[in-house]
C-alpha atoms as a PDB file:
ATOM      1  CA  MET A   1       0.000   0.000   0.000  1.00  0.00           C
ATOM      2  CA  ASP A   2       1.436   3.381  -0.996  1.00  0.00           C
ATOM      3  CA  ARG A   3       0.576   6.995  -0.180  1.00  0.00           C
ATOM      4  CA  GLU A   4      -1.960   7.246  -2.999  1.00  0.00           C
ATOM      5  CA  ASP A   5      -3.808   4.193  -1.659  1.00  0.00           C
ATOM      6  CA  VAL A   6      -3.834   5.746   1.820  1.00  0.00           C
ATOM      7  CA  TYR A   7      -5.067   9.067   0.428  1.00  0.00           C
ATOM      8  CA  ARG A   8      -7.813   7.414  -1.611  1.00  0.00           C
ATOM      9  CA  ARG A   9      -9.061   5.201   1.230  1.00  0.00           C
ATOM     10  CA  VAL A  10      -9.226   8.071   3.712  1.00  0.00           C
ATOM     11  CA  THR A  11     -10.956  10.505   1.364  1.00  0.00           C
ATOM     12  CA  GLU A  12     -13.453   7.912   0.135  1.00  0.00           C
ATOM     13  CA  THR A  13     -14.273   6.838   3.690  1.00  0.00           C
ATOM     14  CA  ALA A  14     -14.695  10.451   4.815  1.00  0.00           C
ATOM     15  CA  GLU A  15     -16.971  11.195   1.871  1.00  0.00           C
ATOM     16  CA  ARG A  16     -19.113   8.146   2.482  1.00  0.00           C
ATOM     17  CA  PHE A  17     -19.197   7.918   6.295  1.00  0.00           C
ATOM     18  CA  GLY A  18     -17.737  11.177   7.652  1.00  0.00           C
ATOM     19  CA  ALA A  19     -14.989  11.364  10.242  1.00  0.00           C
ATOM     20  CA  GLY A  20     -16.854  10.130  13.307  1.00  0.00           C
ATOM     21  CA  ASN A  21     -17.957   6.588  12.489  1.00  0.00           C
ATOM     22  CA  PRO A  22     -16.134   4.384  15.041  1.00  0.00           C
ATOM     23  CA  GLN A  23     -16.534   1.172  13.039  1.00  0.00           C
ATOM     24  CA  GLN A  24     -15.132   2.764   9.885  1.00  0.00           C
ATOM     25  CA  ILE A  25     -12.228   4.328  11.784  1.00  0.00           C
ATOM     26  CA  LYS A  26     -11.366   0.955  13.337  1.00  0.00           C
ATOM     27  CA  LEU A  27     -11.587  -0.791   9.950  1.00  0.00           C
ATOM     28  CA  LEU A  28      -9.533   1.887   8.213  1.00  0.00           C
ATOM     29  CA  CYS A  29      -6.868   1.821  10.945  1.00  0.00           C
ATOM     30  CA  SER A  30      -6.653  -1.936  10.606  1.00  0.00           C
ATOM     31  CA  GLN A  31      -6.221  -1.699   6.830  1.00  0.00           C
ATOM     32  CA  LEU A  32      -3.787   1.219   6.881  1.00  0.00           C
ATOM     33  CA  SER A  33      -1.577  -0.218   9.612  1.00  0.00           C
ATOM     34  CA  ALA A  34      -0.126  -2.529   6.944  1.00  0.00           C
ATOM     35  CA  ALA A  35       1.295   0.446   5.023  1.00  0.00           C
ATOM     36  CA  PRO A  36       4.960   1.347   5.459  1.00  0.00           C
ATOM     37  CA  PRO A  37       5.188   4.215   7.997  1.00  0.00           C
ATOM     38  CA  ASP A  38       6.603   6.739   5.495  1.00  0.00           C
ATOM     39  CA  GLU A  39       3.853   5.966   2.980  1.00  0.00           C
ATOM     40  CA  LEU A  40       1.176   6.111   5.681  1.00  0.00           C
ATOM     41  CA  LEU A  41       2.313   9.520   6.909  1.00  0.00           C
ATOM     42  CA  SER A  42       2.680  10.863   3.375  1.00  0.00           C
ATOM     43  CA  GLY A  43      -0.783   9.631   2.418  1.00  0.00           C
ATOM     44  CA  LEU A  44      -2.410  11.153   5.495  1.00  0.00           C
ATOM     45  CA  LEU A  45      -0.694  14.485   4.845  1.00  0.00           C
ATOM     46  CA  LEU A  46      -1.829  14.361   1.210  1.00  0.00           C
ATOM     47  CA  VAL A  47      -5.386  14.425   2.536  1.00  0.00           C
ATOM     48  CA  VAL A  48      -4.579  17.860   3.955  1.00  0.00           C
ATOM     49  CA  SER A  49      -2.365  19.261   1.196  1.00  0.00           C
ATOM     50  CA  ARG A  50      -4.762  18.341  -1.618  1.00  0.00           C
ATOM     51  CA  CYS A  51      -7.797  19.951  -0.014  1.00  0.00           C
ATOM     52  CA  ASP A  52      -9.281  23.051  -1.537  1.00  0.00           C
ATOM     53  CA  PRO A  53      -9.208  25.576   1.327  1.00  0.00           C
ATOM     54  CA  ALA A  54     -12.353  27.218  -0.029  1.00  0.00           C
ATOM     55  CA  ALA A  55     -14.306  23.940  -0.009  1.00  0.00           C
ATOM     56  CA  PRO A  56     -15.578  21.961   2.970  1.00  0.00           C
ATOM     57  CA  ASN A  57     -12.554  19.996   4.129  1.00  0.00           C
ATOM     58  CA  TYR A  58     -13.218  19.169   7.771  1.00  0.00           C
ATOM     59  CA  GLN A  59     -14.367  15.552   7.345  1.00  0.00           C
ATOM     60  CA  PRO A  60     -11.378  14.193   5.392  1.00  0.00           C
ATOM     61  CA  GLN A  61      -8.835  16.132   7.452  1.00  0.00           C
ATOM     62  CA  GLU A  62     -10.451  15.108  10.744  1.00  0.00           C
ATOM     63  CA  LEU A  63     -10.449  11.471   9.659  1.00  0.00           C
ATOM     64  CA  ALA A  64      -6.789  11.720   8.621  1.00  0.00           C
ATOM     65  CA  GLY A  65      -6.006  13.323  11.988  1.00  0.00           C
ATOM     66  CA  ARG A  66      -7.806  10.603  13.922  1.00  0.00           C
ATOM     67  CA  ILE A  67      -5.943   7.901  12.028  1.00  0.00           C
ATOM     68  CA  LEU A  68      -2.653   9.726  12.570  1.00  0.00           C
ATOM     69  CA  ALA A  69      -3.346   9.888  16.318  1.00  0.00           C
ATOM     70  CA  ALA A  70      -4.386   6.233  16.470  1.00  0.00           C
ATOM     71  CA  LEU A  71      -1.547   4.746  14.417  1.00  0.00           C
ATOM     72  CA  ARG A  72       1.285   7.217  15.173  1.00  0.00           C
ATOM     73  CA  PRO A  73       3.486   6.058  12.283  1.00  0.00           C
ATOM     74  CA  LYS A  74       7.173   6.048  13.110  1.00  0.00           C
ATOM     75  CA  ALA A  75       8.010   7.728   9.825  1.00  0.00           C
ATOM     76  CA  LYS A  76      10.940   9.949   8.962  1.00  0.00           C
ATOM     77  CA  VAL A  77       9.610  13.494   9.283  1.00  0.00           C
ATOM     78  CA  ASP A  78      11.014  16.345   7.225  1.00  0.00           C
ATOM     79  CA  LEU A  79       9.245  18.869   9.415  1.00  0.00           C
ATOM     80  CA  ALA A  80       9.900  21.987   7.333  1.00  0.00           C
ATOM     81  CA  ARG A  81       8.749  20.330   4.118  1.00  0.00           C
ATOM     82  CA  CYS A  82       5.681  18.740   5.718  1.00  0.00           C
ATOM     83  CA  LEU A  83       4.546  21.980   7.341  1.00  0.00           C
ATOM     84  CA  ARG A  84       5.066  24.033   4.195  1.00  0.00           C
ATOM     85  CA  GLU A  85       3.022  21.546   2.181  1.00  0.00           C
ATOM     86  CA  ILE A  86       0.042  21.358   4.526  1.00  0.00           C
ATOM     87  CA  LEU A  87      -0.243  24.812   6.124  1.00  0.00           C
ATOM     88  CA  PRO A  88      -1.890  26.519   3.108  1.00  0.00           C
ATOM     89  CA  THR A  89      -4.810  24.050   3.207  1.00  0.00           C
ATOM     90  CA  TYR A  90      -4.840  22.983   6.871  1.00  0.00           C
ATOM     91  CA  ASN A  91      -8.205  23.029   8.663  1.00  0.00           C
ATOM     92  CA  ALA A  92      -7.733  24.789  11.993  1.00  0.00           C
ATOM     93  CA  SER A  93      -9.931  22.281  13.830  1.00  0.00           C
ATOM     94  CA  ILE A  94      -7.531  19.386  13.369  1.00  0.00           C
ATOM     95  CA  GLU A  95      -5.401  19.264  16.513  1.00  0.00           C
ATOM     96  CA  GLN A  96      -3.951  15.798  15.901  1.00  0.00           C
ATOM     97  CA  ILE A  97      -1.540  16.956  13.192  1.00  0.00           C
ATOM     98  CA  PRO A  98       0.472  19.446  15.266  1.00  0.00           C
ATOM     99  CA  GLN A  99       0.330  17.024  18.188  1.00  0.00           C
ATOM    100  CA  TYR A 100       1.770  14.254  16.000  1.00  0.00           C
ATOM    101  CA  PHE A 101       4.621  16.505  14.869  1.00  0.00           C
ATOM    102  CA  GLU A 102       5.277  17.433  18.490  1.00  0.00           C
ATOM    103  CA  SER A 103       5.460  13.774  19.480  1.00  0.00           C
ATOM    104  CA  ARG A 104       7.867  12.909  16.645  1.00  0.00           C
ATOM    105  CA  CYS A 105      10.051  16.035  16.527  1.00  0.00           C
ATOM    106  CA  GLY A 106       9.685  17.737  19.893  1.00  0.00           C
ATOM    107  CA  LYS A 107       7.666  20.788  20.816  1.00  0.00           C
ATOM    108  CA  LEU A 108      10.516  23.281  20.580  1.00  0.00           C
ATOM    109  CA  LEU A 109      11.511  22.248  17.070  1.00  0.00           C
ATOM    110  CA  VAL A 110       7.921  22.396  15.840  1.00  0.00           C
ATOM    111  CA  LEU A 111       7.317  25.801  17.413  1.00  0.00           C
ATOM    112  CA  ASN A 112      10.571  27.188  15.998  1.00  0.00           C
ATOM    113  CA  GLU A 113       9.662  26.011  12.495  1.00  0.00           C
ATOM    114  CA  LEU A 114       6.164  27.463  12.775  1.00  0.00           C
ATOM    115  CA  HIS A 115       7.554  30.822  13.940  1.00  0.00           C
ATOM    116  CA  LEU A 116       9.975  30.811  10.996  1.00  0.00           C
ATOM    117  CA  ILE A 117       7.177  30.160   8.506  1.00  0.00           C
ATOM    118  CA  GLU A 118       5.103  32.967  10.014  1.00  0.00           C
ATOM    119  CA  SER A 119       7.996  35.422   9.875  1.00  0.00           C
ATOM    120  CA  GLU A 120       8.587  34.782   6.160  1.00  0.00           C
ATOM    121  CA  ASN A 121       5.056  35.662   5.013  1.00  0.00           C
ATOM    122  CA  PRO A 122       2.986  36.885   7.977  1.00  0.00           C
ATOM    123  CA  GLN A 123      -0.163  37.743   5.994  1.00  0.00           C
ATOM    124  CA  THR A 124      -0.684  34.380   4.288  1.00  0.00           C
ATOM    125  CA  ARG A 125      -3.111  31.584   5.029  1.00  0.00           C
ATOM    126  CA  ALA A 126      -0.098  29.418   5.885  1.00  0.00           C
ATOM    127  CA  ALA A 127       0.935  31.889   8.585  1.00  0.00           C
ATOM    128  CA  ALA A 128      -2.589  31.925  10.014  1.00  0.00           C
ATOM    129  CA  SER A 129      -2.578  28.115  10.048  1.00  0.00           C
ATOM    130  CA  SER A 130       0.820  28.199  11.723  1.00  0.00           C
ATOM    131  CA  ARG A 131      -0.531  30.396  14.512  1.00  0.00           C
ATOM    132  CA  THR A 132      -3.377  27.939  15.014  1.00  0.00           C
ATOM    133  CA  MET A 133      -0.987  24.988  15.183  1.00  0.00           C
ATOM    134  CA  ARG A 134       1.071  26.850  17.778  1.00  0.00           C
ATOM    135  CA  TRP A 135      -2.116  27.444  19.767  1.00  0.00           C
ATOM    136  CA  TRP A 136      -2.895  23.721  19.686  1.00  0.00           C
ATOM    137  CA  LEU A 137       0.576  23.142  21.141  1.00  0.00           C
ATOM    138  CA  GLY A 138       0.015  25.622  23.955  1.00  0.00           C
ATOM    139  CA  ASP A 139       2.089  28.500  22.549  1.00  0.00           C
ATOM    140  CA  SER A 140       0.213  31.786  22.625  1.00  0.00           C
ATOM    141  CA  THR A 141       3.078  34.128  21.696  1.00  0.00           C
END
């Protein structure tokens, strides 16, 4: 199973059942746990990065976040690249994504990277998303 398979399964499940169906989440976690950790993480982040920020995107991103929190893939994380790819389309209600990065990379590193992104282009949607991620991690500066 590769990242495209992960992406497709999550988005199709979210479209059909939403993000809160416990049986579907359990089934999807069982299926996706067979994916290599790097492919699993990449596929879950694709759910975020491929969303249209102007369209309803809560259900697929929430489902991806719940799976991320449940499976916690031990993937290699290129934090700067991952954040830059997802921040422009990130739904601010999805707390599991910044919490996953914190658990894999450490709070200080995540906060430093988010501050850097904000300082580069403070008026962008990515910067606003960065501020929200920092809030989820308990940083209100």
